[in-house]
C-alpha cells in the first residue's frame, strides 16, 4: 500500500495533476473514444439526419443520460471525429527542422500524417459529403479546434512581430488550403504521395512570388 501511495504521489508531482483526476480524465477519454467509434459506424452506414441520440447511445451500449455526460449533441460527436484527424499535426510540426520556413514546415506536417490519419480523412470526407447543409457549420468547428492546437506550436517558429500581425493564423489556413487543394487537383486521397508534396511546394512558391512579404517566404 505504501508503495502504491508513493507512486501516486510521484505521478502527481511530475504531472501537476493528482492521481484520481488523471484516472477520471483517462476514463472520460476512453468513454468518448467508444461513443465516437460506434457513432462513426452509424454515420457511415445510415442517413445522418435519421440518426438520433438514442441510436448513438444504443450503439455504444449506454443510456442517453450517460451519452450526455460526454457529448452535448449528435453534431458534437461528428465534430469530435473530425478533430481527431488533425490530432497528430502539432507533433509532426514540432518534429520538423527548426530552420525550415514556417509555411513549408506546416505543409509538410499536414501532408505527413500517418496512415491511420489518412484513413480517417477518407471516412470523414465520405460522411460530410452527404451533409451539404451541415458542412459549413461542422467544418468550421473542426477547423477552429485543429487551428487552436496547431497555433501554439507554430508560434515557436515565428517572431514577435509576425505573431503580432497575425501570421500564425494566416499560415495555418494557407497551408491547409494548399495541401487540400493540390490533393484534390491530383485526385489523390493520400497526402504523402510525392506528387502531392511537389504540387504543394509549387503552390507555396507561387504565393511567395505574388507577395515576397508572405509569411514563410524568403524574407522571413
Foldseek 3Di string as FASTA:
>chain_A
DVVVVVVQVVVCVVPVDGPVVVVVVVVLVVLLVLLLVQLLVCLLPHPPVVDALCNSCVSSVHHSVVVCVNDVGSLRSLLVLLLVLLPCLQVQLLPDDLPQQLLLSSLCSNLPDDPVSLVSQVSNCSRCVSVVVCCVVSVVSSLVVSLVVNLVSSVVNDDPVCVVVPLSSVSNVVSVCLLVVLCVVVVHSRSNPPSSSVSSVVVVVVVCVVPVPRRSHPVD
